[in-house]
Structures are given as C-alpha cells and as structure tokens.
Amino acid sequence: MSLDPAQDGLADLFDLLRIPSHAGNPEARRASALACERLLAKAGFETVLAGPSDAPAVVAMLGGSGPERLVFYNHHDVMPPGDLTSWDRDPFKPRIEGDRLWARGASDHKASFVARLAAVRRLNAQDRLPVGITFLIDGEEEIGSPSLEAIILAERDRLTAAGGLYSGGARDEDGAMVIRAGCKGRCGIRLTVTAGEKDNHSKWAAVLPSASWRLIAALASLRDGATGEVFLEGFQDGVIGPDGEDEAALARLHFDRSAFLDQVGYGRLLPDAEFDPLRSLMFEPTFNIAWLGAGPGGGTVLPGSASALLDIRLVPGQTTEAMFALVRDHLARRGFSDVELRAEGGGDPDKCDLADPVVRALHRACDLTTTPYSVHPMGAGSGPRHLFRRHLGYSLVQDPGCSWQGSNDHAANENIMISHFYENRDLIERFLIAYGELAQAART
C-alpha cells in the first residue's frame, strides 16, 4: 500500500516494524535503537544511547515553553515471533488490511512510541509544546529490563521530571479506552529438580526416581490446583487494598464477562473471580505456572531433570524479594530442599494517587474524545515502573495507547487498528496541552 505523507507517523512506524528487534537478534536491536535515535534527533531532541551496546536504550530530551518536564517510557525491543507457521503473514513485513496493521511489535510497543513522537513533533512545530519531554526507550523490556535500573541511575539528571507516561496500554473488552494508574509487580522463579545426569529409557522408572513427579509434588505443595488456594504461609501479609478513591473508581467500572471470555478463548472465570473480576485483576496477587518442561517432549523417556517457571503477580504491599523468600522457605519446610530455585525476572508493584496531575490531564484529554474511557487504579500487567518511583520520585501512568483486546501481544498475528493509532496520537497532543494548563494553574 502507498502511504500518504499527511498521515503523520505511520511511515515512521512502518520503518521500525521492519526491524526484527528481539533478543535473538542483537544486531537488529541495535539497529532499532539507532532508528529511534534518528527519528528523535530529526524532531529536535538531544539524544544519547545508554546501557548495553547490543541492546541500547535511547534517552532523548526536548525543551518546552514551561519549566515542567515529563518522561515518556517506551521500548523498541519486541518478542520473538515464535513459530512462523502460526502467522498469516511475515511478522516483520508490516501490512495494512482494512483498518488493521499487522506486524510483530505494532502493539507492543512501537506504535505507542511513534504516536507520542508524532504528537510532540506537531506541537513543537506550532510552538505549542507546553512542557519539556524526555523519552526513555528501553531495549530490553521484553527480557525483564535487566539494565534499566543502572540506566536510570546513570541518566538521573536527564530523567528528572514531575511525572510521565508508561508504555501505552489497551482498551477494555468493550472497546473503551483505559487509563491505568498503577501496575502489579512480578516475581519469576524457576524451579528445577535434577534426578540424574541425563534422560534414560522409561523402562528404568521401576528402579530410578522421577524428576517430573518430584517437581509435580513440589508444585502441589504450593497451590491447590482445584480450588486455587495458595499454601504459602504469609502469602497475603502486608497487602494494601484499594483506598477510598480506588473503591469509587472500581464502582464506576463495568466488566463484560461474555465479551472477555470470548476474546481470551475460555469458557469460564475462576470461581473466586466471578464475584468481582476487576477487583481480582487489580488488587489480588496471582500464583501462576507459566511453563513446565521435562524430557524431549515425545517417546518413552525417564527425564533426568524437570523444570517449571512460577509467574507470581504482586500487589501493593508485596515485594519480589519477600515472595522469593516465602517460596524458598515453604519448600524447605515441606521437605523439598532438593528443588533448585533461581530468581528469573520481575519487579515490585507501583501505584500513584488518582489525583496525580498526569492522571487528571489524561482525564481531560479523554473527555474531549467521543470514545468512552475509564480509569483503572491498577493494571493486571507488570513492568519496571517501580524503578522510577524508587530512584526518581515519581510514578508513570499508562495512557490508552494504540492496542486493543485483540492485538495478540506476545502471540502470532500481532496487530493494531490504524484508527486507534491516530486516536492515540491526537490524545497525547491533548494530554500535553491539558497538563500544561494544570501546571500553569499550579504555578499561579
């Protein structure tokens, strides 16, 4: 398809989407960082690369007419495409069909960056940019942002700000835009049982121990597979529930069970979630097994080792360090000290007040659209927002972004709606104007 230059930002997005910037392609991740840097420099930003050379982050600064500054956090790396036979088209050859743009990284999260840059570029060209903007574009978000904390500490002066936006989010199951004022934390733990040095023929199961059954027993000691009860002593200790403003926000929300189940491909919710699924999504921790593995996946084998990855989502009041200790101590008490544990990715939860100026400015911007929107005190997903609070003193808020419930993030056939891209670009422009008005009012 030919692109109209008047469609500000779409051509830039196509260029970025052609770069396979996943962890298995370090050359492409560096090329992606350089491509983002060129776009920012062309728009007048002062840019630097930070972090690892094979997956650098881009830090870029541009002044505004007022003294305030906001940080926009994005990432230019993407998930690997996985099994290419699951895709209807080449994941790195972006293609538009109707209102949809299909490509790996379109939703998660290159469109969010390009839409934001297009909004800033347009305001700056009109001398209407009311605040300074700093972009921090991570190159390792999809592998847990292992270098981000060091980057934040090294670039603290450039990242000093009053607040900012996290990578754009999505719409709810009804299509309404969503503002998220917080996110859950995540504690990733890999459990490994080693029974022997190698796999053997399964006939030896009569006389040799099973790594698989040992791992299953350890996992069963942690959570009841039928009821969902988590057996960790102290699992809910310290949990901070919703405050009065959060309760009021929850009361205004609607959850369409049928639409949600249809989109995710499930037939029912968990029994505990039936009563109030949004409260569960935002304010209840989870205890998920994200992966299980043993043996070659076929044939009559007695695996010598077996592994599982726990993916525990945390809520305010919980920390990754404390959760890892709970799992370790529990397994030791139950006689599973032979199970090897390794921390594997994660971060603490983070949440800002619903009266935060960034949240209020997003409110104002969304009020000017015809699309319905809602404010969620927390999001069900996780990310490194806690690092900004810990080291810089502010939280990042998630705007609606360019995604929707059918965007297929981390899966085959990732896509966005073109109309959502332009709607988000215009929303960011209105957000910046609204934030500037709030900031000016606060100064006077």
Protein backbone atom coordinates (compact mmCIF):
# COMPACT_ATOMS: atom_id res chain seq x y z
CA MET A 1 0.00 0.00 0.00
CA SER A 2 1.17 3.58 -0.60
CA LEU A 3 1.38 5.86 2.42
CA ASP A 4 0.10 9.39 2.47
CA PRO A 5 2.75 11.75 3.94
CA ALA A 6 -0.11 13.61 5.61
CA GLN A 7 -0.67 10.51 7.75
CA ASP A 8 1.88 11.80 10.24
CA GLY A 9 3.83 8.99 11.91
CA LEU A 10 2.59 5.94 10.01
CA ALA A 11 5.56 5.79 7.63
CA ASP A 12 7.93 6.05 10.62
CA LEU A 13 6.09 3.17 12.27
CA PHE A 14 6.42 1.00 9.14
CA ASP A 15 10.19 1.58 9.11
CA LEU A 16 10.54 0.49 12.75
CA LEU A 17 8.32 -2.55 12.32
CA ARG A 18 10.57 -3.92 9.58
CA ILE A 19 13.42 -4.28 12.13
CA PRO A 20 13.30 -7.69 13.92
CA SER A 21 14.49 -6.25 17.23
CA HIS A 22 14.07 -9.28 19.50
CA ALA A 23 16.57 -10.76 21.94
CA GLY A 24 17.68 -13.39 19.43
CA ASN A 25 18.90 -10.69 17.03
CA PRO A 26 21.27 -8.26 18.81
CA GLU A 27 22.24 -6.56 15.55
CA ALA A 28 18.60 -5.74 14.90
CA ARG A 29 18.09 -4.47 18.45
CA ARG A 30 20.97 -2.05 17.98
CA ALA A 31 19.65 -1.06 14.56
CA SER A 32 16.25 -0.42 16.14
CA ALA A 33 17.79 1.83 18.79
CA LEU A 34 19.66 3.80 16.14
CA ALA A 35 16.47 4.15 14.07
CA CYS A 36 14.62 5.55 17.11
CA GLU A 37 17.53 7.89 17.81
CA ARG A 38 17.43 9.23 14.24
CA LEU A 39 13.70 9.91 14.47
CA LEU A 40 14.15 11.77 17.75
CA ALA A 41 17.16 13.76 16.56
CA LYS A 42 15.28 14.76 13.40
CA ALA A 43 12.48 16.05 15.65
CA GLY A 44 14.93 18.29 17.53
CA PHE A 45 15.71 16.08 20.53
CA GLU A 46 19.14 15.88 22.12
CA THR A 47 19.88 12.15 22.20
CA VAL A 48 22.24 9.69 23.89
CA LEU A 49 22.48 5.91 23.85
CA ALA A 50 22.69 4.20 27.22
CA GLY A 51 23.07 0.67 28.51
CA PRO A 52 24.39 -2.43 26.71
CA SER A 53 25.83 -1.96 23.24
CA ASP A 54 23.84 -4.86 21.77
CA ALA A 55 20.51 -3.58 23.14
CA PRO A 56 20.91 0.11 23.91
CA ALA A 57 18.26 2.36 25.32
CA VAL A 58 17.70 5.81 23.84
CA VAL A 59 17.41 8.84 26.13
CA ALA A 60 16.24 11.99 24.33
CA MET A 61 15.41 15.47 25.65
CA LEU A 62 13.44 18.35 24.17
CA GLY A 63 12.54 21.62 25.89
CA GLY A 64 9.06 23.10 26.14
CA SER A 65 7.68 26.54 26.83
CA GLY A 66 7.17 25.84 30.54
CA PRO A 67 9.62 24.73 33.25
CA GLU A 68 7.93 21.34 33.84
CA ARG A 69 9.17 18.13 32.26
CA LEU A 70 7.52 14.76 31.60
CA VAL A 71 9.14 11.40 30.86
CA PHE A 72 7.72 9.06 28.23
CA TYR A 73 8.85 5.47 28.73
CA ASN A 74 8.68 3.14 25.72
CA HIS A 75 10.61 0.15 24.44
CA HIS A 76 11.86 -0.67 20.97
CA ASP A 77 12.55 -4.37 21.50
CA VAL A 78 9.89 -6.96 20.64
CA MET A 79 9.07 -10.55 21.46
CA PRO A 80 10.50 -13.21 19.12
CA PRO A 81 7.92 -14.21 16.50
CA GLY A 82 7.87 -17.85 17.61
CA ASP A 83 6.52 -20.47 15.21
CA LEU A 84 6.28 -18.68 11.87
CA THR A 85 3.68 -21.14 10.63
CA SER A 86 1.29 -19.64 13.20
CA TRP A 87 1.46 -16.27 11.41
CA ASP A 88 -0.81 -15.41 8.50
CA ARG A 89 1.90 -13.13 7.11
CA ASP A 90 5.60 -12.33 7.62
CA PRO A 91 5.81 -10.77 11.12
CA PHE A 92 8.42 -8.22 10.01
CA LYS A 93 6.75 -7.14 6.78
CA PRO A 94 4.06 -4.76 8.07
CA ARG A 95 0.84 -4.91 6.14
CA ILE A 96 -2.42 -2.99 6.30
CA GLU A 97 -5.70 -4.75 5.63
CA GLY A 98 -8.76 -2.60 6.15
CA ASP A 99 -8.27 -0.77 9.45
CA ARG A 100 -5.68 -3.20 10.79
CA LEU A 101 -1.89 -3.02 10.71
CA TRP A 102 -0.29 -6.44 11.19
CA ALA A 103 3.33 -6.86 12.38
CA ARG A 104 5.35 -8.00 15.36
CA GLY A 105 5.88 -5.01 17.65
CA ALA A 106 2.97 -2.99 16.28
CA SER A 107 1.00 -3.19 19.52
CA ASP A 108 3.85 -3.98 21.90
CA HIS A 109 5.01 -1.19 21.72
CA LYS A 110 6.39 0.59 18.69
CA ALA A 111 3.11 2.27 17.73
CA SER A 112 2.89 3.86 21.18
CA PHE A 113 6.33 5.47 20.76
CA VAL A 114 5.66 6.72 17.23
CA ALA A 115 2.23 8.14 18.14
CA ARG A 116 3.74 10.04 21.09
CA LEU A 117 6.60 11.36 18.99
CA ALA A 118 4.18 12.49 16.27
CA ALA A 119 2.12 14.41 18.85
CA VAL A 120 5.19 16.12 20.33
CA ARG A 121 6.55 16.90 16.88
CA ARG A 122 3.31 18.53 15.81
CA LEU A 123 3.01 20.68 18.96
CA ASN A 124 6.65 21.70 18.79
CA ALA A 125 6.32 22.72 15.13
CA GLN A 126 3.47 25.02 16.16
CA ASP A 127 5.42 26.40 19.16
CA ARG A 128 2.70 24.97 21.41
CA LEU A 129 4.66 22.35 23.36
CA PRO A 130 3.94 23.41 26.97
CA VAL A 131 6.38 21.12 28.82
CA GLY A 132 9.75 19.56 28.25
CA ILE A 133 9.72 15.93 27.12
CA THR A 134 12.25 13.18 27.78
CA PHE A 135 11.90 9.87 26.00
CA LEU A 136 13.45 6.77 27.54
CA ILE A 137 13.18 3.95 25.01
CA ASP A 138 14.26 0.67 26.59
CA GLY A 139 15.98 -2.00 24.51
CA GLU A 140 15.45 -4.91 26.90
CA GLU A 141 11.88 -4.65 28.19
CA GLU A 142 10.82 -7.98 26.76
CA ILE A 143 13.54 -9.78 28.74
CA GLY A 144 12.76 -8.01 32.03
CA SER A 145 14.76 -4.76 31.56
CA PRO A 146 17.89 -6.06 33.34
CA SER A 147 19.88 -2.88 32.56
CA LEU A 148 17.13 -0.32 33.22
CA GLU A 149 17.94 0.40 36.85
CA ALA A 150 21.59 1.15 36.01
CA ILE A 151 20.46 3.34 33.10
CA ILE A 152 18.10 5.31 35.35
CA LEU A 153 20.87 5.87 37.89
CA ALA A 154 23.40 6.88 35.23
CA GLU A 155 20.96 9.20 33.44
CA ARG A 156 19.25 10.56 36.56
CA ASP A 157 19.74 14.21 35.57
CA ARG A 158 18.16 13.71 32.15
CA LEU A 159 15.28 11.74 33.67
CA THR A 160 14.42 14.26 36.38
CA ALA A 161 10.76 15.13 35.84
CA ALA A 162 7.42 15.79 37.50
CA GLY A 163 5.94 12.53 36.20
CA GLY A 164 5.21 10.84 32.94
CA LEU A 165 3.68 8.08 30.88
CA TYR A 166 4.47 4.39 30.77
CA SER A 167 4.25 2.42 27.50
CA GLY A 168 0.72 2.73 26.17
CA GLY A 169 -1.86 0.21 27.32
CA ALA A 170 -5.01 -1.00 25.64
CA ARG A 171 -8.78 -0.88 25.60
CA ASP A 172 -11.12 -2.96 27.68
CA GLU A 173 -13.28 -5.79 26.40
CA ASP A 174 -15.99 -3.27 25.39
CA GLY A 175 -13.58 -1.16 23.34
CA ALA A 176 -13.40 1.72 25.84
CA MET A 177 -10.02 3.41 26.36
CA VAL A 178 -8.34 2.71 29.70
CA ILE A 179 -6.11 4.89 31.88
CA ARG A 180 -4.11 2.79 34.36
CA ALA A 181 -2.62 4.49 37.42
CA GLY A 182 -0.57 1.51 38.57
CA CYS A 183 0.66 -1.96 37.77
CA LYS A 184 1.23 -5.22 39.55
CA GLY A 185 4.68 -6.49 40.34
CA ARG A 186 6.06 -9.81 39.21
CA CYS A 187 8.21 -12.44 40.87
CA GLY A 188 9.58 -15.01 38.44
CA ILE A 189 11.05 -18.17 39.98
CA ARG A 190 12.46 -21.14 38.05
CA LEU A 191 12.20 -24.45 39.91
CA THR A 192 14.43 -27.33 38.79
CA VAL A 193 14.57 -30.90 40.01
CA THR A 194 17.60 -32.97 38.95
CA ALA A 195 17.28 -36.71 39.49
CA GLY A 196 20.07 -37.87 37.18
CA GLU A 197 22.76 -36.67 34.83
CA LYS A 198 20.76 -37.48 31.69
CA ASP A 199 17.46 -38.78 30.33
CA ASN A 200 17.05 -42.56 30.21
CA HIS A 201 14.68 -45.14 28.76
CA SER A 202 11.41 -45.14 30.67
CA LYS A 203 11.75 -48.85 31.49
CA TRP A 204 14.15 -47.77 34.26
CA ALA A 205 11.28 -45.96 36.03
CA ALA A 206 10.83 -49.18 38.01
CA VAL A 207 14.11 -48.55 39.83
CA LEU A 208 15.08 -44.88 39.30
CA PRO A 209 13.47 -41.72 40.79
CA SER A 210 11.36 -39.42 38.61
CA ALA A 211 12.35 -35.76 38.34
CA SER A 212 8.92 -34.99 36.87
CA TRP A 213 6.89 -36.48 39.72
CA ARG A 214 9.16 -34.82 42.27
CA LEU A 215 8.60 -31.43 40.64
CA ILE A 216 4.84 -32.02 40.48
CA ALA A 217 4.82 -32.84 44.20
CA ALA A 218 6.72 -29.64 44.99
CA LEU A 219 4.31 -27.56 42.90
CA ALA A 220 1.30 -29.25 44.52
CA SER A 221 2.63 -28.23 47.93
CA LEU A 222 2.47 -24.58 46.85
CA ARG A 223 -1.08 -24.32 45.49
CA ASP A 224 -4.25 -26.36 45.30
CA GLY A 225 -4.90 -26.98 41.61
CA ALA A 226 -8.64 -27.45 42.16
CA THR A 227 -9.53 -24.58 44.49
CA GLY A 228 -6.70 -22.15 43.70
CA GLU A 229 -5.77 -21.81 47.38
CA VAL A 230 -2.13 -20.77 47.82
CA PHE A 231 -0.48 -22.64 50.69
CA LEU A 232 2.39 -20.20 51.28
CA GLU A 233 2.34 -19.02 54.88
CA GLY A 234 2.21 -15.20 54.77
CA PHE A 235 1.26 -15.02 51.07
CA GLN A 236 -1.22 -12.19 51.70
CA ASP A 237 0.72 -10.48 54.51
CA GLY A 238 1.24 -6.75 54.01
CA VAL A 239 -1.16 -6.49 51.07
CA ILE A 240 -2.51 -2.94 50.72
CA GLY A 241 -6.01 -2.98 49.34
CA PRO A 242 -7.83 -0.23 47.47
CA ASP A 243 -8.32 3.12 49.22
CA GLY A 244 -11.45 5.24 49.10
CA GLU A 245 -10.66 6.80 45.72
CA ASP A 246 -9.83 3.37 44.31
CA GLU A 247 -13.12 1.95 45.59
CA ALA A 248 -15.01 4.81 43.95
CA ALA A 249 -13.18 4.15 40.67
CA LEU A 250 -13.95 0.42 40.87
CA ALA A 251 -17.62 1.17 41.45
CA ARG A 252 -17.76 3.10 38.17
CA LEU A 253 -16.34 0.25 36.12
CA HIS A 254 -18.16 -2.46 34.21
CA PHE A 255 -16.76 -5.85 33.22
CA ASP A 256 -18.37 -7.72 30.34
CA ARG A 257 -17.71 -11.36 31.23
CA SER A 258 -19.06 -12.76 27.96
CA ALA A 259 -17.01 -10.41 25.78
CA PHE A 260 -13.87 -11.06 27.80
CA LEU A 261 -14.23 -14.85 27.74
CA ASP A 262 -14.90 -14.77 24.02
CA GLN A 263 -11.74 -12.74 23.37
CA VAL A 264 -9.43 -14.88 25.52
CA GLY A 265 -10.91 -18.18 24.34
CA TYR A 266 -12.02 -19.53 27.73
CA GLY A 267 -15.40 -20.85 28.86
CA ARG A 268 -15.44 -19.62 32.45
CA LEU A 269 -13.73 -17.48 35.10
CA LEU A 270 -12.18 -18.76 38.30
CA PRO A 271 -14.85 -19.16 40.99
CA ASP A 272 -13.26 -16.51 43.23
CA ALA A 273 -13.14 -14.04 40.33
CA GLU A 274 -16.82 -14.42 39.46
CA PHE A 275 -17.87 -12.10 42.28
CA ASP A 276 -15.68 -9.13 41.31
CA PRO A 277 -13.27 -9.86 38.44
CA LEU A 278 -11.92 -6.30 38.19
CA ARG A 279 -11.00 -6.26 41.88
CA SER A 280 -9.24 -9.59 41.37
CA LEU A 281 -7.38 -8.32 38.31
CA MET A 282 -6.18 -5.16 40.04
CA PHE A 283 -5.81 -5.93 43.74
CA GLU A 284 -5.33 -9.70 44.15
CA PRO A 285 -1.96 -11.44 43.70
CA THR A 286 -1.71 -14.43 41.36
CA PHE A 287 0.29 -17.67 41.55
CA ASN A 288 0.69 -18.91 38.00
CA ILE A 289 2.78 -21.68 36.44
CA ALA A 290 3.90 -20.07 33.19
CA TRP A 291 5.93 -23.03 31.88
CA LEU A 292 6.55 -26.73 32.57
CA GLY A 293 9.19 -28.86 30.92
CA ALA A 294 10.73 -32.35 31.19
CA GLY A 295 12.25 -34.69 28.64
CA PRO A 296 12.34 -34.25 24.85
CA GLY A 297 8.55 -33.95 24.54
CA GLY A 298 7.92 -37.36 22.99
CA GLY A 299 8.92 -41.00 23.24
CA THR A 300 9.33 -43.35 26.18
CA VAL A 301 11.77 -41.38 28.34
CA LEU A 302 12.50 -41.07 32.04
CA PRO A 303 13.62 -37.41 32.26
CA GLY A 304 16.74 -36.75 34.27
CA SER A 305 15.52 -33.27 35.15
CA ALA A 306 12.33 -31.25 35.18
CA SER A 307 11.70 -27.51 35.44
CA ALA A 308 8.86 -25.07 35.94
CA LEU A 309 8.59 -21.29 35.87
CA LEU A 310 6.44 -19.64 38.52
CA ASP A 311 4.98 -16.30 37.46
CA ILE A 312 3.66 -14.61 40.62
CA ARG A 313 1.92 -11.25 40.16
CA LEU A 314 2.27 -8.96 43.18
CA VAL A 315 0.07 -6.16 44.51
CA PRO A 316 0.99 -3.09 46.61
CA GLY A 317 2.49 -4.17 49.91
CA GLN A 318 4.32 -7.16 48.40
CA THR A 319 7.89 -7.32 47.09
CA THR A 320 9.76 -9.72 44.81
CA GLU A 321 12.45 -10.31 47.42
CA ALA A 322 9.96 -11.24 50.13
CA MET A 323 7.96 -13.50 47.79
CA PHE A 324 11.06 -15.41 46.70
CA ALA A 325 11.91 -15.98 50.37
CA LEU A 326 8.37 -17.26 51.08
CA VAL A 327 8.61 -19.84 48.30
CA ARG A 328 12.13 -20.92 49.29
CA ASP A 329 11.28 -21.30 52.98
CA HIS A 330 8.00 -23.09 52.26
CA LEU A 331 9.67 -25.73 50.08
CA ALA A 332 12.39 -26.27 52.67
CA ARG A 333 9.79 -26.79 55.43
CA ARG A 334 7.85 -29.26 53.27
CA GLY A 335 10.94 -31.39 52.58
CA PHE A 336 11.74 -30.08 49.10
CA SER A 337 15.14 -28.55 49.82
CA ASP A 338 16.49 -30.53 46.84
CA VAL A 339 14.48 -28.35 44.46
CA GLU A 340 16.77 -25.70 42.98
CA LEU A 341 15.31 -22.18 42.89
CA ARG A 342 16.51 -19.31 40.71
CA ALA A 343 15.06 -15.80 40.52
CA GLU A 344 14.10 -15.10 36.93
CA GLY A 345 12.85 -11.63 36.19
CA GLY A 346 10.37 -9.37 37.85
CA GLY A 347 9.91 -6.20 39.84
CA ASP A 348 7.81 -4.64 42.55
CA PRO A 349 4.30 -3.22 42.06
CA ASP A 350 3.73 0.52 41.75
CA LYS A 351 0.72 2.77 42.05
CA CYS A 352 0.11 6.51 42.03
CA ASP A 353 -2.68 8.59 43.51
CA LEU A 354 -5.69 9.08 41.25
CA ALA A 355 -5.37 12.83 41.88
CA ASP A 356 -1.91 12.87 40.26
CA PRO A 357 -1.71 15.68 37.64
CA VAL A 358 -0.81 13.17 34.92
CA VAL A 359 -3.97 11.17 35.64
CA ARG A 360 -6.03 14.37 35.73
CA ALA A 361 -4.60 15.58 32.42
CA LEU A 362 -5.37 12.24 30.78
CA HIS A 363 -8.91 12.59 32.15
CA ARG A 364 -9.25 15.97 30.45
CA ALA A 365 -7.83 14.68 27.18
CA CYS A 366 -10.15 11.68 27.12
CA ASP A 367 -13.13 13.89 27.94
CA LEU A 368 -12.62 15.58 24.56
CA THR A 369 -12.99 12.34 22.61
CA THR A 370 -16.16 10.59 21.54
CA THR A 371 -14.73 7.21 22.60
CA PRO A 372 -15.76 6.03 26.09
CA TYR A 373 -12.96 5.67 28.62
CA SER A 374 -12.41 4.51 32.18
CA VAL A 375 -9.77 4.89 34.89
CA HIS A 376 -8.32 1.77 36.47
CA PRO A 377 -6.46 2.28 39.78
CA MET A 378 -4.22 -0.67 38.85
CA GLY A 379 -3.43 -2.77 35.83
CA ALA A 380 -3.24 -6.57 35.76
CA GLY A 381 0.12 -6.50 33.96
CA SER A 382 3.59 -5.73 35.27
CA GLY A 383 6.54 -3.56 34.31
CA PRO A 384 9.52 -1.64 35.71
CA ARG A 385 7.53 1.39 36.89
CA HIS A 386 8.71 0.88 40.47
CA LEU A 387 12.25 1.89 39.43
CA PHE A 388 11.06 5.40 38.54
CA ARG A 389 9.34 5.78 41.91
CA ARG A 390 12.32 4.37 43.81
CA HIS A 391 15.07 6.38 42.13
CA LEU A 392 13.34 9.44 40.66
CA GLY A 393 10.40 10.00 42.98
CA TYR A 394 7.54 9.80 40.50
CA SER A 395 5.22 7.18 39.05
CA LEU A 396 4.42 6.61 35.40
CA VAL A 397 0.80 6.40 34.30
CA GLN A 398 -0.38 4.23 31.40
CA ASP A 399 -2.40 6.01 28.73
CA PRO A 400 -4.77 4.01 26.47
CA GLY A 401 -2.10 3.55 23.82
CA CYS A 402 -2.70 2.04 20.39
CA SER A 403 -3.65 -1.52 21.35
CA TRP A 404 -6.96 -3.32 21.75
CA GLN A 405 -8.11 -6.61 23.27
CA GLY A 406 -7.44 -8.46 20.01
CA SER A 407 -3.93 -7.12 19.45
CA ASN A 408 -2.34 -10.53 20.19
CA ASP A 409 0.63 -9.15 22.12
CA HIS A 410 3.35 -11.84 22.51
CA ALA A 411 1.42 -14.10 20.13
CA ALA A 412 1.15 -14.68 16.39
CA ASN A 413 -0.62 -12.13 14.18
CA GLU A 414 0.04 -9.13 16.41
CA ASN A 415 -1.90 -6.10 15.17
CA ILE A 416 -3.35 -2.67 15.89
CA MET A 417 -6.23 -0.67 14.47
CA ILE A 418 -4.99 2.26 12.36
CA SER A 419 -7.81 4.38 13.76
CA HIS A 420 -6.54 3.67 17.29
CA PHE A 421 -3.06 4.83 16.29
CA TYR A 422 -4.34 8.20 15.12
CA GLU A 423 -6.71 8.50 18.05
CA ASN A 424 -3.82 7.93 20.46
CA ARG A 425 -1.61 10.43 18.65
CA ASP A 426 -4.32 13.08 18.99
CA LEU A 427 -4.98 12.08 22.60
CA ILE A 428 -1.32 12.58 23.54
CA GLU A 429 -1.41 16.01 21.96
CA ARG A 430 -4.48 16.98 24.02
CA PHE A 431 -2.92 15.43 27.13
CA LEU A 432 0.16 17.62 26.81
CA ILE A 433 -1.95 20.76 26.41
CA ALA A 434 -4.07 19.75 29.45
CA TYR A 435 -1.01 19.01 31.56
CA GLY A 436 0.49 22.37 30.64
CA GLU A 437 -2.72 24.11 31.74
CA LEU A 438 -2.71 22.28 35.09
CA ALA A 439 0.96 23.09 35.61
CA GLN A 440 0.43 26.77 34.83
CA ALA A 441 -2.53 26.93 37.21
CA ALA A 442 -0.41 25.36 39.95
CA ARG A 443 2.37 27.93 39.39
CA THR A 444 -0.05 30.88 39.73
